[in-house]
Protein backbone atom coordinates (compact mmCIF):
# COMPACT_ATOMS: atom_id res chain seq x y z
CA MET A 1 -35.78 -9.91 18.13
CA GLU A 2 -32.73 -11.24 19.94
CA ASN A 3 -32.14 -14.99 20.07
CA SER A 4 -31.46 -15.79 23.72
CA ALA A 5 -30.87 -19.50 23.15
CA ILE A 6 -27.42 -20.58 24.21
CA PRO A 7 -25.76 -23.03 21.83
CA PRO A 8 -25.01 -26.44 23.33
CA LEU A 9 -21.67 -26.63 25.08
CA THR A 10 -19.85 -29.80 24.15
CA GLU A 11 -16.52 -29.12 25.84
CA LYS A 12 -15.61 -27.27 29.02
CA THR A 13 -12.23 -26.03 30.15
CA PHE A 14 -11.06 -26.15 33.73
CA GLU A 15 -8.15 -24.74 35.70
CA ALA A 16 -5.05 -26.95 35.73
CA LYS A 17 -4.88 -26.89 39.53
CA ASP A 18 -8.49 -28.06 39.83
CA ILE A 19 -7.86 -30.89 37.36
CA GLU A 20 -4.74 -32.16 39.12
CA GLU A 21 -6.28 -32.01 42.61
CA ASN A 22 -9.54 -33.72 41.66
CA LYS A 23 -8.64 -36.05 38.79
CA ALA A 24 -8.93 -39.23 40.88
CA LEU A 25 -12.41 -38.35 42.16
CA ALA A 26 -13.49 -37.37 38.65
CA ILE A 27 -12.46 -40.82 37.39
CA ILE A 28 -14.20 -42.58 40.28
CA GLY A 29 -17.33 -40.59 39.44
CA TYR A 30 -18.05 -42.91 36.52
CA LEU A 31 -18.25 -46.07 38.64
CA GLY A 32 -21.99 -46.42 39.26
CA LEU A 33 -23.21 -44.99 42.56
CA LEU A 34 -19.71 -43.75 43.31
CA CYS A 35 -20.71 -40.78 41.14
CA LEU A 36 -22.01 -39.29 44.38
CA LEU A 37 -18.48 -39.03 45.84
CA PRO A 38 -17.29 -36.10 43.71
CA LEU A 39 -20.69 -34.44 44.07
CA LEU A 40 -20.63 -34.66 47.86
CA LEU A 41 -16.93 -34.41 48.67
CA LYS A 42 -15.81 -31.74 46.17
CA LYS A 43 -18.75 -29.37 45.83
CA ASP A 44 -16.36 -26.47 45.22
CA SER A 45 -14.56 -28.16 42.30
CA PRO A 46 -16.10 -27.50 38.89
CA TYR A 47 -14.02 -30.33 37.40
CA ALA A 48 -15.09 -33.01 39.89
CA LYS A 49 -18.67 -31.77 39.82
CA TYR A 50 -18.80 -31.87 36.01
CA HIS A 51 -17.63 -35.48 35.85
CA GLY A 52 -19.76 -36.44 38.85
CA ILE A 53 -22.87 -35.18 37.07
CA GLN A 54 -21.87 -36.99 33.86
CA GLY A 55 -21.44 -40.16 35.95
CA LEU A 56 -24.83 -39.62 37.61
CA VAL A 57 -26.54 -39.41 34.21
CA LEU A 58 -24.74 -42.59 33.17
CA CYS A 59 -25.88 -44.32 36.37
CA ILE A 60 -29.50 -43.26 35.78
CA PHE A 61 -29.28 -44.52 32.20
CA TRP A 62 -27.90 -47.84 33.46
CA VAL A 63 -30.78 -48.23 35.93
CA ILE A 64 -33.34 -47.53 33.19
CA ILE A 65 -31.69 -50.02 30.84
CA ASN A 66 -31.75 -52.73 33.50
CA ALA A 67 -35.38 -51.96 34.38
CA VAL A 68 -36.25 -52.61 30.72
CA GLY A 69 -34.38 -55.92 31.09
CA ILE A 70 -37.26 -57.23 33.21
CA ILE A 71 -39.31 -57.63 30.03
CA PRO A 72 -38.76 -61.13 28.61
CA VAL A 73 -36.78 -61.66 25.40
CA LEU A 74 -36.85 -58.17 23.82
CA GLY A 75 -36.08 -56.50 27.15
CA TRP A 76 -33.23 -58.93 27.73
CA MET A 77 -31.69 -58.09 24.37
CA ILE A 78 -32.05 -54.37 25.01
CA ALA A 79 -30.51 -54.80 28.46
CA VAL A 80 -27.50 -56.70 27.10
CA LEU A 81 -26.83 -54.10 24.42
CA GLY A 82 -27.51 -51.28 26.87
CA ASN A 83 -25.08 -52.70 29.41
CA ILE A 84 -22.39 -52.94 26.75
CA LEU A 85 -23.08 -49.33 25.79
CA CYS A 86 -22.92 -48.27 29.45
CA LEU A 87 -19.58 -50.02 29.87
CA LEU A 88 -18.20 -48.26 26.80
CA LEU A 89 -19.53 -44.89 27.99
CA MET A 90 -17.99 -45.49 31.41
CA ILE A 91 -14.59 -46.12 29.83
CA VAL A 92 -14.92 -43.03 27.61
CA GLY A 93 -15.86 -40.88 30.60
CA MET A 94 -12.99 -42.20 32.69
CA LEU A 95 -10.56 -41.51 29.86
CA HIS A 96 -11.87 -37.95 29.51
CA ALA A 97 -11.48 -37.42 33.26
CA ALA A 98 -7.98 -38.95 33.29
CA ASN A 99 -6.90 -36.71 30.41
CA GLY A 100 -8.22 -33.56 32.08
CA GLU A 101 -10.88 -33.02 29.43
CA GLY A 102 -14.37 -31.65 29.87
CA LYS A 103 -16.06 -33.50 27.03
CA GLU A 104 -19.59 -34.72 27.51
CA LEU A 105 -20.47 -38.37 27.05
CA PRO A 106 -21.82 -39.39 23.65
CA PHE A 107 -25.60 -39.96 23.46
CA ILE A 108 -26.42 -39.15 27.10
CA GLY A 109 -24.08 -36.32 28.06
CA GLN A 110 -26.53 -33.69 26.86
CA TYR A 111 -28.89 -34.57 29.72
CA ALA A 112 -26.27 -33.63 32.32
CA LYS A 113 -26.76 -29.97 31.43
CA ASN A 114 -30.26 -30.11 32.89
CA LEU A 115 -29.01 -31.17 36.32
CA ASN A 116 -28.19 -28.27 38.61
CA LEU A 117 -26.50 -29.91 41.56
């Protein structure tokens, strides 16, 4: 019996021209709701789309973390730590985009594979 499961892809490669043309939008894609810009403006760019989807997953994670922050005391602590984590993930994602890399974000990047935008 053949195993049809595809191993998880942790790094993608993109064309140099696509990276250079869309690097700025890929970086912007990690700034909260601005993740929609590369998804809407550069639908034909795999590079911008990849980082836009990673930014969208980060934005969803941020919203969930802050929703938990409504709960007194424990929720506040989780929200503070979660916001610090989101800030660090945003910086990591922006650095990956600026360096022309297709690495997924730690912890949450695996969920971006499930989004087919």
